[in-house]
């Protein structure tokens, strides 16, 4: 039997980037901080995000035809905290449009996806998205390691 705390602690040793997944319901835009994000396929261009079924965003994303993924830069800890539901500074409207869909302004990478499939994965769901539009910019990513934010400091960035 695997102890859930030990499982979480061990997997916390894997440094990940941090994204905000944006979705729409009616006229409102919602977002959730997600570090379970990955590239899945080049042809067609597919990505996946993994969301806890208990998260409020799960139902909204399940009903969405499209979603955005914004890869946060090191300076965007406040946005990560905001969309993770942590107390902090008030955040003004952080979104801009890419291909007509809201993504986080100033993010290192922005993708707009059409929901391709949803797969059950225990207490989470994998949301596969076919990428319709994307853009990227230079900068350093916001990382998550051992339960806290981490930053790339000594790495040379290539173009």
C-alpha atoms as a PDB file:
ATOM      1  CA  UNK A   1       0.000   0.000   0.000  1.00  0.00           C
ATOM      2  CA  UNK A   2       1.394   3.414  -0.972  1.00  0.00           C
ATOM      3  CA  UNK A   3       1.106   6.108   1.695  1.00  0.00           C
ATOM      4  CA  UNK A   4      -0.539   9.150   0.019  1.00  0.00           C
ATOM      5  CA  UNK A   5       1.715  11.634   1.880  1.00  0.00           C
ATOM      6  CA  UNK A   6       4.866   9.776   0.817  1.00  0.00           C
ATOM      7  CA  UNK A   7       3.533   9.545  -2.751  1.00  0.00           C
ATOM      8  CA  UNK A   8       2.938  13.312  -2.821  1.00  0.00           C
ATOM      9  CA  UNK A   9       6.324  14.055  -1.202  1.00  0.00           C
ATOM     10  CA  UNK A  10       8.182  11.854  -3.674  1.00  0.00           C
ATOM     11  CA  UNK A  11       6.429  13.318  -6.712  1.00  0.00           C
ATOM     12  CA  UNK A  12       7.143  16.800  -5.311  1.00  0.00           C
ATOM     13  CA  UNK A  13      10.787  16.139  -6.192  1.00  0.00           C
ATOM     14  CA  UNK A  14       9.846  16.515  -9.856  1.00  0.00           C
ATOM     15  CA  UNK A  15      10.093  20.209 -10.781  1.00  0.00           C
ATOM     16  CA  UNK A  16       7.234  21.367 -12.985  1.00  0.00           C
ATOM     17  CA  UNK A  17       6.207  24.535 -14.718  1.00  0.00           C
ATOM     18  CA  UNK A  18       3.053  26.314 -13.659  1.00  0.00           C
ATOM     19  CA  UNK A  19       0.151  27.104 -15.940  1.00  0.00           C
ATOM     20  CA  UNK A  20      -3.205  28.788 -15.627  1.00  0.00           C
ATOM     21  CA  UNK A  21      -5.971  26.995 -17.492  1.00  0.00           C
ATOM     22  CA  UNK A  22      -8.694  29.405 -18.564  1.00  0.00           C
ATOM     23  CA  UNK A  23     -12.253  28.515 -19.504  1.00  0.00           C
ATOM     24  CA  UNK A  24     -15.520  30.274 -20.227  1.00  0.00           C
ATOM     25  CA  UNK A  25     -19.012  29.711 -18.890  1.00  0.00           C
ATOM     26  CA  UNK A  26     -21.591  32.067 -20.296  1.00  0.00           C
ATOM     27  CA  UNK A  27     -20.024  35.526 -20.279  1.00  0.00           C
ATOM     28  CA  UNK A  28     -17.569  34.755 -17.465  1.00  0.00           C
ATOM     29  CA  UNK A  29     -13.950  33.686 -17.641  1.00  0.00           C
ATOM     30  CA  UNK A  30     -12.529  31.351 -15.003  1.00  0.00           C
ATOM     31  CA  UNK A  31      -9.026  30.098 -14.354  1.00  0.00           C
ATOM     32  CA  UNK A  32      -7.300  27.439 -12.301  1.00  0.00           C
ATOM     33  CA  UNK A  33      -3.609  26.995 -11.497  1.00  0.00           C
ATOM     34  CA  UNK A  34      -2.333  23.697 -12.895  1.00  0.00           C
ATOM     35  CA  UNK A  35       1.128  22.143 -12.859  1.00  0.00           C
ATOM     36  CA  UNK A  36      -0.031  18.866 -14.439  1.00  0.00           C
ATOM     37  CA  UNK A  37       0.387  19.947 -18.065  1.00  0.00           C
ATOM     38  CA  UNK A  38       2.159  18.185 -20.915  1.00  0.00           C
ATOM     39  CA  UNK A  39       2.613  17.908 -24.630  1.00  0.00           C
ATOM     40  CA  UNK A  40       0.930  14.793 -26.035  1.00  0.00           C
ATOM     41  CA  UNK A  41       1.169  14.781 -29.845  1.00  0.00           C
ATOM     42  CA  UNK A  42       2.595  16.799 -32.736  1.00  0.00           C
ATOM     43  CA  UNK A  43       0.130  15.504 -35.383  1.00  0.00           C
ATOM     44  CA  UNK A  44      -2.433  16.586 -34.434  1.00  0.00           C
ATOM     45  CA  UNK A  45      -0.982  19.103 -31.964  1.00  0.00           C
ATOM     46  CA  UNK A  46      -2.354  17.907 -28.626  1.00  0.00           C
ATOM     47  CA  UNK A  47      -1.699  18.918 -25.020  1.00  0.00           C
ATOM     48  CA  UNK A  48      -3.173  17.616 -21.776  1.00  0.00           C
ATOM     49  CA  UNK A  49      -4.022  19.129 -18.429  1.00  0.00           C
ATOM     50  CA  UNK A  50      -5.025  17.078 -15.427  1.00  0.00           C
ATOM     51  CA  UNK A  51      -7.685  18.462 -13.059  1.00  0.00           C
ATOM     52  CA  UNK A  52      -8.912  17.136  -9.699  1.00  0.00           C
ATOM     53  CA  UNK A  53     -12.567  16.115  -9.948  1.00  0.00           C
ATOM     54  CA  UNK A  54     -13.262  17.974  -6.681  1.00  0.00           C
ATOM     55  CA  UNK A  55     -12.088  21.310  -8.138  1.00  0.00           C
ATOM     56  CA  UNK A  56     -14.855  23.754  -9.005  1.00  0.00           C
ATOM     57  CA  UNK A  57     -13.213  24.252 -12.391  1.00  0.00           C
ATOM     58  CA  UNK A  58     -13.622  20.566 -13.252  1.00  0.00           C
ATOM     59  CA  UNK A  59     -17.339  20.876 -14.064  1.00  0.00           C
ATOM     60  CA  UNK A  60     -16.821  24.114 -15.994  1.00  0.00           C
ATOM     61  CA  UNK A  61     -13.984  22.650 -18.047  1.00  0.00           C
ATOM     62  CA  UNK A  62     -15.977  19.452 -18.645  1.00  0.00           C
ATOM     63  CA  UNK A  63     -18.676  21.528 -20.333  1.00  0.00           C
ATOM     64  CA  UNK A  64     -16.279  23.756 -22.298  1.00  0.00           C
ATOM     65  CA  UNK A  65     -15.597  23.367 -26.002  1.00  0.00           C
ATOM     66  CA  UNK A  66     -12.364  25.352 -25.697  1.00  0.00           C
ATOM     67  CA  UNK A  67      -9.806  26.202 -23.044  1.00  0.00           C
ATOM     68  CA  UNK A  68      -6.637  28.244 -22.748  1.00  0.00           C
ATOM     69  CA  UNK A  69      -3.301  27.298 -21.232  1.00  0.00           C
ATOM     70  CA  UNK A  70      -0.943  30.061 -20.108  1.00  0.00           C
ATOM     71  CA  UNK A  71       2.596  29.103 -19.096  1.00  0.00           C
ATOM     72  CA  UNK A  72       3.510  31.467 -16.273  1.00  0.00           C
ATOM     73  CA  UNK A  73       6.715  33.446 -16.068  1.00  0.00           C
ATOM     74  CA  UNK A  74       8.777  33.801 -12.877  1.00  0.00           C
ATOM     75  CA  UNK A  75       7.217  37.187 -12.094  1.00  0.00           C
ATOM     76  CA  UNK A  76       3.664  35.802 -12.056  1.00  0.00           C
ATOM     77  CA  UNK A  77       3.566  34.093  -8.633  1.00  0.00           C
ATOM     78  CA  UNK A  78       0.670  36.368  -7.631  1.00  0.00           C
ATOM     79  CA  UNK A  79      -1.430  35.060 -10.539  1.00  0.00           C
ATOM     80  CA  UNK A  80      -0.582  31.471  -9.661  1.00  0.00           C
ATOM     81  CA  UNK A  81      -1.671  32.102  -6.067  1.00  0.00           C
ATOM     82  CA  UNK A  82      -4.845  33.876  -7.182  1.00  0.00           C
ATOM     83  CA  UNK A  83      -5.994  31.066  -9.472  1.00  0.00           C
ATOM     84  CA  UNK A  84      -5.019  28.457  -6.862  1.00  0.00           C
ATOM     85  CA  UNK A  85      -7.423  30.165  -4.442  1.00  0.00           C
ATOM     86  CA  UNK A  86      -4.707  31.312  -2.046  1.00  0.00           C
ATOM     87  CA  UNK A  87      -5.192  34.602  -0.201  1.00  0.00           C
ATOM     88  CA  UNK A  88      -3.155  37.469  -1.554  1.00  0.00           C
ATOM     89  CA  UNK A  89      -3.272  40.688  -3.467  1.00  0.00           C
ATOM     90  CA  UNK A  90      -6.329  41.513  -5.509  1.00  0.00           C
ATOM     91  CA  UNK A  91      -5.720  40.765  -9.182  1.00  0.00           C
ATOM     92  CA  UNK A  92      -7.112  43.061 -11.852  1.00  0.00           C
ATOM     93  CA  UNK A  93      -8.401  41.413 -15.033  1.00  0.00           C
ATOM     94  CA  UNK A  94      -5.339  39.357 -16.032  1.00  0.00           C
ATOM     95  CA  UNK A  95      -6.670  38.166 -19.381  1.00  0.00           C
ATOM     96  CA  UNK A  96      -6.143  39.138 -22.989  1.00  0.00           C
ATOM     97  CA  UNK A  97      -7.500  37.431 -26.095  1.00  0.00           C
ATOM     98  CA  UNK A  98      -5.654  35.028 -28.353  1.00  0.00           C
ATOM     99  CA  UNK A  99      -7.654  33.690 -31.283  1.00  0.00           C
ATOM    100  CA  UNK A 100     -10.731  35.125 -29.568  1.00  0.00           C
ATOM    101  CA  UNK A 101     -10.158  33.261 -26.292  1.00  0.00           C
ATOM    102  CA  UNK A 102      -8.901  34.532 -22.888  1.00  0.00           C
ATOM    103  CA  UNK A 103      -5.344  33.680 -21.870  1.00  0.00           C
ATOM    104  CA  UNK A 104      -3.127  35.246 -19.184  1.00  0.00           C
ATOM    105  CA  UNK A 105      -1.545  38.514 -20.312  1.00  0.00           C
ATOM    106  CA  UNK A 106       2.258  38.435 -20.260  1.00  0.00           C
ATOM    107  CA  UNK A 107       2.600  34.661 -19.918  1.00  0.00           C
ATOM    108  CA  UNK A 108       5.673  32.937 -21.412  1.00  0.00           C
ATOM    109  CA  UNK A 109       3.460  30.779 -23.574  1.00  0.00           C
ATOM    110  CA  UNK A 110      -0.204  30.946 -24.479  1.00  0.00           C
ATOM    111  CA  UNK A 111      -2.245  28.201 -26.138  1.00  0.00           C
ATOM    112  CA  UNK A 112      -5.878  28.067 -27.166  1.00  0.00           C
ATOM    113  CA  UNK A 113      -7.248  24.546 -27.428  1.00  0.00           C
ATOM    114  CA  UNK A 114     -10.412  22.846 -28.591  1.00  0.00           C
ATOM    115  CA  UNK A 115     -11.421  20.021 -26.254  1.00  0.00           C
ATOM    116  CA  UNK A 116     -10.384  16.818 -28.021  1.00  0.00           C
ATOM    117  CA  UNK A 117     -11.177  14.228 -25.357  1.00  0.00           C
ATOM    118  CA  UNK A 118     -11.654  13.807 -21.615  1.00  0.00           C
ATOM    119  CA  UNK A 119     -10.253  10.699 -19.932  1.00  0.00           C
ATOM    120  CA  UNK A 120     -10.961   9.443 -16.434  1.00  0.00           C
ATOM    121  CA  UNK A 121      -7.848   9.060 -14.264  1.00  0.00           C
ATOM    122  CA  UNK A 122      -8.804   8.085 -10.711  1.00  0.00           C
ATOM    123  CA  UNK A 123      -9.646  11.221  -8.718  1.00  0.00           C
ATOM    124  CA  UNK A 124      -8.599  13.431 -11.673  1.00  0.00           C
ATOM    125  CA  UNK A 125      -9.524  13.811 -15.336  1.00  0.00           C
ATOM    126  CA  UNK A 126      -7.193  14.337 -18.276  1.00  0.00           C
ATOM    127  CA  UNK A 127      -8.441  17.055 -20.584  1.00  0.00           C
ATOM    128  CA  UNK A 128      -6.872  16.661 -24.018  1.00  0.00           C
ATOM    129  CA  UNK A 129      -6.895  19.752 -26.157  1.00  0.00           C
ATOM    130  CA  UNK A 130      -6.101  20.225 -29.825  1.00  0.00           C
ATOM    131  CA  UNK A 131      -4.077  23.414 -30.134  1.00  0.00           C
ATOM    132  CA  UNK A 132      -5.743  26.002 -32.393  1.00  0.00           C
ATOM    133  CA  UNK A 133      -3.444  28.951 -31.710  1.00  0.00           C
ATOM    134  CA  UNK A 134      -0.295  29.637 -29.730  1.00  0.00           C
ATOM    135  CA  UNK A 135       2.330  32.235 -29.032  1.00  0.00           C
ATOM    136  CA  UNK A 136       5.450  32.449 -26.885  1.00  0.00           C
ATOM    137  CA  UNK A 137       7.899  35.032 -25.587  1.00  0.00           C
ATOM    138  CA  UNK A 138      11.305  35.088 -23.915  1.00  0.00           C
ATOM    139  CA  UNK A 139      11.740  34.963 -20.158  1.00  0.00           C
ATOM    140  CA  UNK A 140      12.162  32.637 -17.226  1.00  0.00           C
ATOM    141  CA  UNK A 141       9.459  30.169 -16.121  1.00  0.00           C
ATOM    142  CA  UNK A 142       7.775  29.951 -12.754  1.00  0.00           C
ATOM    143  CA  UNK A 143       8.481  26.481 -11.360  1.00  0.00           C
ATOM    144  CA  UNK A 144       7.033  24.358  -8.580  1.00  0.00           C
ATOM    145  CA  UNK A 145       9.334  22.087  -6.540  1.00  0.00           C
ATOM    146  CA  UNK A 146       8.844  20.383  -3.171  1.00  0.00           C
ATOM    147  CA  UNK A 147       5.583  22.208  -2.507  1.00  0.00           C
ATOM    148  CA  UNK A 148       6.810  25.745  -3.202  1.00  0.00           C
ATOM    149  CA  UNK A 149       7.792  28.079  -5.998  1.00  0.00           C
ATOM    150  CA  UNK A 150      11.220  27.767  -7.554  1.00  0.00           C
ATOM    151  CA  UNK A 151      13.035  29.805 -10.180  1.00  0.00           C
ATOM    152  CA  UNK A 152      15.575  29.143 -12.906  1.00  0.00           C
ATOM    153  CA  UNK A 153      18.547  31.337 -12.007  1.00  0.00           C
ATOM    154  CA  UNK A 154      21.785  30.081 -13.513  1.00  0.00           C
ATOM    155  CA  UNK A 155      20.538  28.785 -16.826  1.00  0.00           C
ATOM    156  CA  UNK A 156      21.323  30.558 -20.047  1.00  0.00           C
ATOM    157  CA  UNK A 157      18.226  31.012 -22.106  1.00  0.00           C
ATOM    158  CA  UNK A 158      18.530  30.220 -25.805  1.00  0.00           C
ATOM    159  CA  UNK A 159      16.496  31.776 -28.559  1.00  0.00           C
END
